[in-house]
Amino acid sequence: MNIKSHWDLQLRDLPFIEGPFFARTCATKLANGPSNNVPKDPSGREMSVEQLQKALEHGQLFLVTSSPPSFPIVVWKPDADHPNGGTWHLIGNIDGGLSRNVEALNQWEITPDTISLSGPGCLGQLGAFGLNDTMNERRAGERHLASKNAQRPLSLPLGASAW
């Protein structure tokens, strides 16, 4: 389990965000645990259990699990009639900026299979914050390469002919 801010979330983290109520109950365990990955407060000190609980409850921080969460807040709902096979949904009253991420996932037709891929250049590695900007930049780069390749004159080696 990791605690992340909205700024630190990657796309592959979204389906593994635990719901705020359950995340809040894990705060004591996390704060006293051996891994102790509790973030610092604005003064640079480790957050108290109460501060951590409040931040998790209000969507300032998110508990990201390594396996499917008990109460996920970002879920894929299959739909056989949808061209991508389903859509992403935000569950519950928590937001913390996640509604924009869920809208962007659906807008860019990103599926669970797509974000589960990891490695250089894969979508799962992308930061969840600013997804629209990142995808627009990628698309602009792809268009630039396509137009550059389209402008390249075709030529055959001397003596070659097309049948």
N, C-alpha and C. Protein backbone atom coordinates (compact mmCIF):
# COMPACT_ATOMS: atom_id res chain seq x y z
N MET A 1 0.84 -1.18 0.00
CA MET A 1 0.00 0.00 0.00
C MET A 1 0.89 1.24 0.00
N ASN A 2 0.49 2.20 -0.82
CA ASN A 2 1.20 3.47 -0.89
C ASN A 2 0.21 4.61 -0.72
N ILE A 3 0.69 5.66 -0.15
CA ILE A 3 -0.10 6.88 -0.03
C ILE A 3 0.44 7.86 -1.05
N LYS A 4 -0.46 8.36 -1.90
CA LYS A 4 -0.03 9.28 -2.96
C LYS A 4 -0.94 10.49 -3.01
N SER A 5 -0.35 11.60 -3.41
CA SER A 5 -1.16 12.79 -3.69
C SER A 5 -1.68 12.68 -5.12
N HIS A 6 -2.60 13.54 -5.46
CA HIS A 6 -3.14 13.56 -6.82
C HIS A 6 -2.02 13.76 -7.83
N TRP A 7 -1.05 14.58 -7.48
CA TRP A 7 0.05 14.91 -8.39
C TRP A 7 0.93 13.69 -8.67
N ASP A 8 0.98 12.74 -7.73
CA ASP A 8 1.86 11.58 -7.86
C ASP A 8 1.19 10.36 -8.47
N LEU A 9 -0.12 10.41 -8.67
CA LEU A 9 -0.84 9.26 -9.21
C LEU A 9 -0.45 9.02 -10.66
N GLN A 10 -0.28 7.75 -11.02
CA GLN A 10 -0.10 7.35 -12.40
C GLN A 10 -1.40 6.72 -12.87
N LEU A 11 -1.57 6.63 -14.17
CA LEU A 11 -2.81 6.05 -14.70
C LEU A 11 -3.06 4.66 -14.15
N ARG A 12 -2.02 3.86 -14.05
CA ARG A 12 -2.21 2.49 -13.58
C ARG A 12 -2.63 2.43 -12.11
N ASP A 13 -2.46 3.54 -11.37
CA ASP A 13 -2.89 3.58 -9.96
C ASP A 13 -4.40 3.74 -9.82
N LEU A 14 -5.05 4.37 -10.79
CA LEU A 14 -6.46 4.76 -10.62
C LEU A 14 -7.38 3.61 -10.23
N PRO A 15 -7.32 2.44 -10.87
CA PRO A 15 -8.24 1.36 -10.46
C PRO A 15 -7.87 0.74 -9.10
N PHE A 16 -6.74 1.14 -8.54
CA PHE A 16 -6.28 0.57 -7.28
C PHE A 16 -6.38 1.54 -6.11
N ILE A 17 -7.13 2.63 -6.30
CA ILE A 17 -7.34 3.58 -5.20
C ILE A 17 -8.45 3.05 -4.30
N GLU A 18 -8.12 2.95 -3.03
CA GLU A 18 -9.08 2.46 -2.05
C GLU A 18 -10.04 3.58 -1.68
N GLY A 19 -11.28 3.22 -1.41
CA GLY A 19 -12.29 4.19 -1.00
C GLY A 19 -11.87 4.89 0.29
N PRO A 20 -12.32 6.13 0.48
CA PRO A 20 -11.85 6.94 1.61
C PRO A 20 -12.19 6.36 2.98
N PHE A 21 -13.34 5.74 3.14
CA PHE A 21 -13.69 5.21 4.47
C PHE A 21 -12.73 4.11 4.88
N PHE A 22 -12.50 3.16 3.97
CA PHE A 22 -11.59 2.06 4.29
C PHE A 22 -10.16 2.56 4.40
N ALA A 23 -9.77 3.49 3.54
CA ALA A 23 -8.42 4.06 3.59
C ALA A 23 -8.19 4.75 4.93
N ARG A 24 -9.22 5.43 5.41
CA ARG A 24 -9.13 6.13 6.70
C ARG A 24 -8.87 5.14 7.83
N THR A 25 -9.53 3.97 7.77
CA THR A 25 -9.34 2.97 8.82
C THR A 25 -7.93 2.37 8.78
N CYS A 26 -7.27 2.45 7.64
CA CYS A 26 -5.91 1.92 7.52
C CYS A 26 -4.85 2.92 7.97
N ALA A 27 -5.23 4.14 8.26
CA ALA A 27 -4.26 5.20 8.58
C ALA A 27 -3.39 4.85 9.77
N THR A 28 -3.97 4.30 10.84
CA THR A 28 -3.18 3.96 12.02
C THR A 28 -2.16 2.88 11.68
N LYS A 29 -2.62 1.87 10.96
CA LYS A 29 -1.73 0.78 10.56
C LYS A 29 -0.58 1.32 9.70
N LEU A 30 -0.92 2.21 8.78
CA LEU A 30 0.11 2.78 7.89
C LEU A 30 1.10 3.65 8.67
N ALA A 31 0.58 4.45 9.57
CA ALA A 31 1.43 5.37 10.33
C ALA A 31 2.38 4.62 11.26
N ASN A 32 1.94 3.49 11.77
CA ASN A 32 2.76 2.73 12.72
C ASN A 32 3.46 1.54 12.09
N GLY A 33 3.26 1.35 10.79
CA GLY A 33 3.82 0.19 10.11
C GLY A 33 5.30 0.30 9.88
N PRO A 34 5.92 -0.84 9.52
CA PRO A 34 7.36 -0.86 9.30
C PRO A 34 7.80 -0.08 8.05
N SER A 35 6.96 -0.06 7.02
CA SER A 35 7.37 0.66 5.80
C SER A 35 7.28 2.16 6.00
N ASN A 36 6.31 2.57 6.78
CA ASN A 36 6.15 3.96 7.19
C ASN A 36 6.30 4.94 6.03
N ASN A 37 5.41 4.82 5.03
CA ASN A 37 5.46 5.72 3.89
C ASN A 37 4.49 6.87 4.05
N VAL A 38 4.37 7.34 5.28
CA VAL A 38 3.46 8.45 5.58
C VAL A 38 4.09 9.75 5.09
N PRO A 39 3.33 10.54 4.33
CA PRO A 39 3.88 11.81 3.82
C PRO A 39 4.14 12.81 4.94
N LYS A 40 4.87 13.83 4.58
CA LYS A 40 5.18 14.92 5.51
C LYS A 40 4.07 15.98 5.45
N ASP A 41 3.88 16.67 6.55
CA ASP A 41 2.93 17.79 6.56
C ASP A 41 3.66 19.03 6.03
N PRO A 42 2.95 20.16 5.88
CA PRO A 42 3.60 21.35 5.31
C PRO A 42 4.83 21.83 6.08
N SER A 43 4.92 21.50 7.38
CA SER A 43 6.09 21.93 8.15
C SER A 43 7.26 20.96 8.03
N GLY A 44 7.06 19.86 7.28
CA GLY A 44 8.15 18.92 7.06
C GLY A 44 8.17 17.75 8.04
N ARG A 45 7.24 17.74 8.99
CA ARG A 45 7.17 16.62 9.94
C ARG A 45 6.23 15.55 9.40
N GLU A 46 6.43 14.33 9.84
CA GLU A 46 5.55 13.24 9.43
C GLU A 46 4.13 13.54 9.92
N MET A 47 3.15 13.29 9.06
CA MET A 47 1.76 13.56 9.40
C MET A 47 1.32 12.68 10.57
N SER A 48 0.51 13.25 11.44
CA SER A 48 -0.07 12.47 12.54
C SER A 48 -1.15 11.56 11.96
N VAL A 49 -1.58 10.59 12.73
CA VAL A 49 -2.63 9.68 12.30
C VAL A 49 -3.89 10.48 11.96
N GLU A 50 -4.20 11.48 12.78
CA GLU A 50 -5.40 12.29 12.55
C GLU A 50 -5.29 13.08 11.25
N GLN A 51 -4.13 13.67 11.00
CA GLN A 51 -3.93 14.42 9.76
C GLN A 51 -4.05 13.49 8.55
N LEU A 52 -3.46 12.32 8.67
CA LEU A 52 -3.50 11.35 7.58
C LEU A 52 -4.94 10.89 7.33
N GLN A 53 -5.68 10.62 8.40
CA GLN A 53 -7.08 10.20 8.25
C GLN A 53 -7.89 11.28 7.54
N LYS A 54 -7.71 12.50 7.95
CA LYS A 54 -8.46 13.61 7.35
C LYS A 54 -8.10 13.78 5.87
N ALA A 55 -6.81 13.70 5.54
CA ALA A 55 -6.37 13.85 4.15
C ALA A 55 -6.91 12.73 3.27
N LEU A 56 -6.93 11.51 3.79
CA LEU A 56 -7.48 10.37 3.03
C LEU A 56 -8.99 10.51 2.87
N GLU A 57 -9.64 10.96 3.90
CA GLU A 57 -11.10 11.10 3.87
C GLU A 57 -11.56 12.18 2.90
N HIS A 58 -10.79 13.24 2.78
CA HIS A 58 -11.20 14.38 1.96
C HIS A 58 -10.58 14.39 0.56
N GLY A 59 -9.85 13.34 0.20
CA GLY A 59 -9.30 13.25 -1.15
C GLY A 59 -8.07 14.09 -1.40
N GLN A 60 -7.39 14.50 -0.33
CA GLN A 60 -6.12 15.21 -0.50
C GLN A 60 -4.99 14.22 -0.73
N LEU A 61 -5.16 13.01 -0.17
CA LEU A 61 -4.24 11.91 -0.38
C LEU A 61 -5.05 10.67 -0.73
N PHE A 62 -4.40 9.70 -1.39
CA PHE A 62 -5.08 8.48 -1.80
C PHE A 62 -4.27 7.27 -1.38
N LEU A 63 -4.97 6.24 -0.94
CA LEU A 63 -4.34 4.97 -0.62
C LEU A 63 -4.41 4.10 -1.86
N VAL A 64 -3.24 3.75 -2.40
CA VAL A 64 -3.15 2.94 -3.61
C VAL A 64 -2.68 1.55 -3.19
N THR A 65 -3.50 0.55 -3.52
CA THR A 65 -3.19 -0.82 -3.13
C THR A 65 -2.46 -1.54 -4.27
N SER A 66 -1.84 -2.66 -3.95
CA SER A 66 -1.14 -3.43 -4.98
C SER A 66 -2.04 -4.50 -5.59
N SER A 67 -3.18 -4.74 -4.98
CA SER A 67 -4.17 -5.68 -5.52
C SER A 67 -5.51 -4.94 -5.56
N PRO A 68 -6.51 -5.52 -6.21
CA PRO A 68 -7.79 -4.80 -6.29
C PRO A 68 -8.29 -4.38 -4.89
N PRO A 69 -8.66 -3.11 -4.76
CA PRO A 69 -9.08 -2.60 -3.45
C PRO A 69 -10.43 -3.16 -3.02
N SER A 70 -10.68 -3.09 -1.72
CA SER A 70 -11.96 -3.55 -1.18
C SER A 70 -13.11 -2.67 -1.65
N PHE A 71 -12.86 -1.37 -1.68
CA PHE A 71 -13.90 -0.40 -2.07
C PHE A 71 -13.28 0.60 -3.06
N PRO A 72 -13.12 0.18 -4.33
CA PRO A 72 -12.48 1.07 -5.31
C PRO A 72 -13.34 2.30 -5.60
N ILE A 73 -12.67 3.39 -5.96
CA ILE A 73 -13.44 4.60 -6.30
C ILE A 73 -13.38 4.90 -7.80
N VAL A 74 -12.45 4.30 -8.52
CA VAL A 74 -12.40 4.42 -9.98
C VAL A 74 -12.59 3.01 -10.54
N VAL A 75 -13.70 2.80 -11.23
CA VAL A 75 -14.02 1.46 -11.72
C VAL A 75 -14.34 1.46 -13.21
N TRP A 76 -14.05 0.34 -13.84
CA TRP A 76 -14.38 0.09 -15.24
C TRP A 76 -15.68 -0.68 -15.26
N LYS A 77 -16.68 -0.14 -15.95
CA LYS A 77 -17.96 -0.83 -16.08
C LYS A 77 -18.09 -1.33 -17.51
N PRO A 78 -18.04 -2.67 -17.68
CA PRO A 78 -18.17 -3.22 -19.02
C PRO A 78 -19.53 -2.89 -19.65
N ASP A 79 -19.51 -2.65 -20.95
CA ASP A 79 -20.72 -2.36 -21.70
C ASP A 79 -20.51 -2.90 -23.12
N ALA A 80 -21.20 -3.97 -23.43
CA ALA A 80 -21.04 -4.63 -24.72
C ALA A 80 -21.40 -3.72 -25.89
N ASP A 81 -22.26 -2.73 -25.66
CA ASP A 81 -22.68 -1.83 -26.73
C ASP A 81 -21.70 -0.68 -26.97
N HIS A 82 -20.76 -0.49 -26.05
CA HIS A 82 -19.79 0.60 -26.19
C HIS A 82 -18.63 0.14 -27.07
N PRO A 83 -18.13 1.01 -27.97
CA PRO A 83 -17.04 0.61 -28.87
C PRO A 83 -15.79 0.10 -28.15
N ASN A 84 -15.52 0.61 -26.95
CA ASN A 84 -14.34 0.17 -26.19
C ASN A 84 -14.64 -0.96 -25.23
N GLY A 85 -15.88 -1.39 -25.20
CA GLY A 85 -16.25 -2.48 -24.29
C GLY A 85 -16.64 -2.02 -22.90
N GLY A 86 -16.65 -0.71 -22.66
CA GLY A 86 -17.04 -0.18 -21.35
C GLY A 86 -16.56 1.24 -21.15
N THR A 87 -16.81 1.75 -19.94
CA THR A 87 -16.39 3.11 -19.59
C THR A 87 -15.94 3.15 -18.13
N TRP A 88 -15.14 4.16 -17.81
CA TRP A 88 -14.67 4.39 -16.45
C TRP A 88 -15.69 5.22 -15.68
N HIS A 89 -15.79 4.96 -14.39
CA HIS A 89 -16.72 5.71 -13.52
C HIS A 89 -16.05 6.01 -12.19
N LEU A 90 -16.41 7.16 -11.64
CA LEU A 90 -15.96 7.56 -10.30
C LEU A 90 -17.08 7.22 -9.34
N ILE A 91 -16.78 6.45 -8.31
CA ILE A 91 -17.77 5.99 -7.35
C ILE A 91 -17.63 6.79 -6.06
N GLY A 92 -18.75 7.23 -5.52
CA GLY A 92 -18.73 7.92 -4.23
C GLY A 92 -18.65 9.42 -4.37
N ASN A 93 -18.55 10.07 -3.22
CA ASN A 93 -18.56 11.53 -3.17
C ASN A 93 -17.17 12.15 -3.17
N ILE A 94 -16.15 11.34 -3.19
CA ILE A 94 -14.79 11.86 -3.15
C ILE A 94 -14.39 12.30 -4.56
N ASP A 95 -13.61 13.32 -4.66
CA ASP A 95 -13.15 13.74 -5.97
C ASP A 95 -11.64 13.92 -5.95
N GLY A 96 -11.15 14.97 -5.31
CA GLY A 96 -9.72 15.21 -5.29
C GLY A 96 -9.12 15.36 -6.67
N GLY A 97 -9.93 15.82 -7.65
CA GLY A 97 -9.45 15.99 -9.01
C GLY A 97 -9.62 14.75 -9.87
N LEU A 98 -10.15 13.68 -9.29
CA LEU A 98 -10.27 12.43 -10.03
C LEU A 98 -11.33 12.47 -11.12
N SER A 99 -12.34 13.31 -10.99
CA SER A 99 -13.40 13.34 -12.01
C SER A 99 -12.83 13.74 -13.36
N ARG A 100 -11.87 14.67 -13.38
CA ARG A 100 -11.22 15.07 -14.64
C ARG A 100 -10.43 13.89 -15.22
N ASN A 101 -9.79 13.13 -14.34
CA ASN A 101 -9.03 11.97 -14.81
C ASN A 101 -9.94 10.94 -15.44
N VAL A 102 -11.07 10.67 -14.80
CA VAL A 102 -12.01 9.67 -15.31
C VAL A 102 -12.59 10.14 -16.65
N GLU A 103 -12.93 11.41 -16.75
CA GLU A 103 -13.43 11.96 -18.02
C GLU A 103 -12.38 11.81 -19.11
N ALA A 104 -11.12 12.08 -18.78
CA ALA A 104 -10.04 11.98 -19.77
C ALA A 104 -9.83 10.52 -20.20
N LEU A 105 -9.91 9.59 -19.25
CA LEU A 105 -9.77 8.17 -19.61
C LEU A 105 -10.82 7.78 -20.65
N ASN A 106 -12.05 8.22 -20.43
CA ASN A 106 -13.12 7.89 -21.37
C ASN A 106 -12.96 8.66 -22.69
N GLN A 107 -12.58 9.92 -22.62
CA GLN A 107 -12.40 10.72 -23.83
C GLN A 107 -11.33 10.13 -24.73
N TRP A 108 -10.23 9.69 -24.15
CA TRP A 108 -9.11 9.16 -24.93
C TRP A 108 -9.24 7.66 -25.16
N GLU A 109 -10.37 7.09 -24.76
CA GLU A 109 -10.68 5.67 -24.99
C GLU A 109 -9.61 4.75 -24.42
N ILE A 110 -9.21 5.03 -23.20
CA ILE A 110 -8.20 4.24 -22.51
C ILE A 110 -8.91 3.15 -21.72
N THR A 111 -8.52 1.91 -21.95
CA THR A 111 -9.15 0.75 -21.32
C THR A 111 -8.26 0.20 -20.20
N PRO A 112 -8.80 -0.69 -19.37
CA PRO A 112 -7.97 -1.31 -18.33
C PRO A 112 -6.75 -2.04 -18.91
N ASP A 113 -6.92 -2.67 -20.07
CA ASP A 113 -5.79 -3.36 -20.69
C ASP A 113 -4.69 -2.38 -21.07
N THR A 114 -5.08 -1.20 -21.52
CA THR A 114 -4.11 -0.19 -21.95
C THR A 114 -3.30 0.32 -20.77
N ILE A 115 -3.95 0.62 -19.64
CA ILE A 115 -3.20 1.18 -18.52
C ILE A 115 -2.46 0.13 -17.71
N SER A 116 -2.77 -1.15 -17.93
CA SER A 116 -2.05 -2.18 -17.19
C SER A 116 -0.66 -2.43 -17.76
N LEU A 117 -0.43 -1.96 -18.99
CA LEU A 117 0.89 -2.12 -19.59
C LEU A 117 1.88 -1.20 -18.90
N SER A 118 3.05 -1.71 -18.63
CA SER A 118 4.07 -0.87 -18.01
C SER A 118 5.34 -0.93 -18.83
N GLY A 119 6.15 0.05 -18.66
CA GLY A 119 7.39 0.13 -19.42
C GLY A 119 7.49 1.47 -20.10
N PRO A 120 8.64 1.79 -20.66
CA PRO A 120 8.82 3.09 -21.31
C PRO A 120 7.81 3.31 -22.42
N GLY A 121 7.18 4.47 -22.39
CA GLY A 121 6.23 4.83 -23.43
C GLY A 121 4.83 4.29 -23.26
N CYS A 122 4.61 3.41 -22.30
CA CYS A 122 3.28 2.84 -22.09
C CYS A 122 2.40 3.82 -21.30
N LEU A 123 1.11 3.77 -21.57
CA LEU A 123 0.19 4.72 -20.93
C LEU A 123 0.11 4.56 -19.42
N GLY A 124 0.27 3.35 -18.91
CA GLY A 124 0.18 3.13 -17.46
C GLY A 124 1.20 3.93 -16.68
N GLN A 125 2.30 4.28 -17.31
CA GLN A 125 3.36 5.04 -16.66
C GLN A 125 3.05 6.54 -16.58
N LEU A 126 2.11 7.00 -17.39
CA LEU A 126 1.82 8.43 -17.43
C LEU A 126 1.21 8.91 -16.13
N GLY A 127 1.50 10.14 -15.80
CA GLY A 127 0.88 10.76 -14.64
C GLY A 127 -0.60 10.98 -14.91
N ALA A 128 -1.42 10.74 -13.90
CA ALA A 128 -2.86 10.91 -14.06
C ALA A 128 -3.22 12.39 -14.15
N PHE A 129 -2.46 13.23 -13.46
CA PHE A 129 -2.73 14.67 -13.49
C PHE A 129 -2.26 15.22 -14.82
N GLY A 130 -3.11 15.95 -15.52
CA GLY A 130 -2.74 16.55 -16.80
C GLY A 130 -2.76 15.57 -17.96
N LEU A 131 -3.58 14.53 -17.85
CA LEU A 131 -3.63 13.51 -18.91
C LEU A 131 -4.02 14.12 -20.25
N ASN A 132 -4.99 15.01 -20.27
CA ASN A 132 -5.40 15.62 -21.55
C ASN A 132 -4.24 16.32 -22.24
N ASP A 133 -3.47 17.07 -21.46
CA ASP A 133 -2.33 17.78 -22.05
C ASP A 133 -1.30 16.80 -22.60
N THR A 134 -1.02 15.76 -21.84
CA THR A 134 -0.05 14.76 -22.27
C THR A 134 -0.50 14.07 -23.55
N MET A 135 -1.78 13.69 -23.60
CA MET A 135 -2.29 13.00 -24.78
C MET A 135 -2.33 13.92 -26.00
N ASN A 136 -2.67 15.20 -25.78
CA ASN A 136 -2.65 16.16 -26.89
C ASN A 136 -1.23 16.32 -27.44
N GLU A 137 -0.24 16.37 -26.56
CA GLU A 137 1.15 16.48 -27.00
C GLU A 137 1.57 15.24 -27.80
N ARG A 138 1.17 14.06 -27.31
CA ARG A 138 1.50 12.82 -28.03
C ARG A 138 0.86 12.82 -29.41
N ARG A 139 -0.41 13.20 -29.47
CA ARG A 139 -1.12 13.22 -30.75
C ARG A 139 -0.47 14.22 -31.71
N ALA A 140 -0.08 15.39 -31.21
CA ALA A 140 0.58 16.38 -32.06
C ALA A 140 1.90 15.84 -32.59
N GLY A 141 2.64 15.13 -31.75
CA GLY A 141 3.89 14.52 -32.19
C GLY A 141 3.67 13.47 -33.27
N GLU A 142 2.62 12.65 -33.09
CA GLU A 142 2.29 11.63 -34.09
C GLU A 142 1.90 12.28 -35.41
N ARG A 143 1.11 13.35 -35.35
CA ARG A 143 0.70 14.05 -36.58
C ARG A 143 1.91 14.65 -37.29
N HIS A 144 2.82 15.22 -36.51
CA HIS A 144 4.01 15.82 -37.09
C HIS A 144 4.83 14.77 -37.83
N LEU A 145 5.04 13.61 -37.20
CA LEU A 145 5.79 12.53 -37.85
C LEU A 145 5.07 12.04 -39.10
N ALA A 146 3.76 11.91 -39.03
CA ALA A 146 2.99 11.44 -40.19
C ALA A 146 3.10 12.43 -41.34
N SER A 147 3.00 13.72 -41.05
CA SER A 147 3.10 14.71 -42.13
C SER A 147 4.52 14.75 -42.70
N LYS A 148 5.51 14.56 -41.86
CA LYS A 148 6.89 14.54 -42.31
C LYS A 148 7.13 13.36 -43.24
N ASN A 149 6.58 12.20 -42.87
CA ASN A 149 6.73 11.01 -43.72
C ASN A 149 5.95 11.14 -45.02
N ALA A 150 4.82 11.83 -44.99
CA ALA A 150 4.00 12.00 -46.19
C ALA A 150 4.68 12.94 -47.18
N GLN A 151 5.51 13.85 -46.70
CA GLN A 151 6.18 14.80 -47.58
C GLN A 151 7.45 14.22 -48.22
N ARG A 152 7.90 13.09 -47.72
CA ARG A 152 9.11 12.47 -48.25
C ARG A 152 8.80 11.92 -49.65
N PRO A 153 9.56 12.31 -50.67
CA PRO A 153 9.29 11.82 -52.01
C PRO A 153 9.61 10.33 -52.11
N LEU A 154 8.77 9.64 -52.85
CA LEU A 154 9.00 8.22 -53.09
C LEU A 154 9.99 8.07 -54.23
N SER A 155 10.89 7.13 -54.11
CA SER A 155 11.84 6.90 -55.19
C SER A 155 12.20 5.42 -55.23
N LEU A 156 12.51 4.97 -56.40
CA LEU A 156 12.92 3.59 -56.60
C LEU A 156 14.40 3.60 -56.97
N PRO A 157 15.11 2.53 -56.64
CA PRO A 157 16.51 2.48 -57.07
C PRO A 157 16.59 2.45 -58.60
N LEU A 158 17.70 2.90 -59.12
CA LEU A 158 17.92 2.92 -60.58
C LEU A 158 17.75 1.52 -61.15
N GLY A 159 16.93 1.39 -62.18
CA GLY A 159 16.69 0.12 -62.82
C GLY A 159 15.51 -0.64 -62.25
N ALA A 160 14.95 -0.18 -61.14
CA ALA A 160 13.79 -0.88 -60.55
C ALA A 160 12.54 -0.31 -61.17
N SER A 161 11.54 -1.16 -61.32
CA SER A 161 10.27 -0.66 -61.85
C SER A 161 9.12 -1.31 -61.12
N ALA A 162 8.04 -0.61 -61.07
CA ALA A 162 6.84 -1.16 -60.41
C ALA A 162 6.02 -1.88 -61.47
N TRP A 163 5.56 -3.04 -61.21
CA TRP A 163 4.77 -3.81 -62.16
C TRP A 163 3.38 -3.40 -62.09
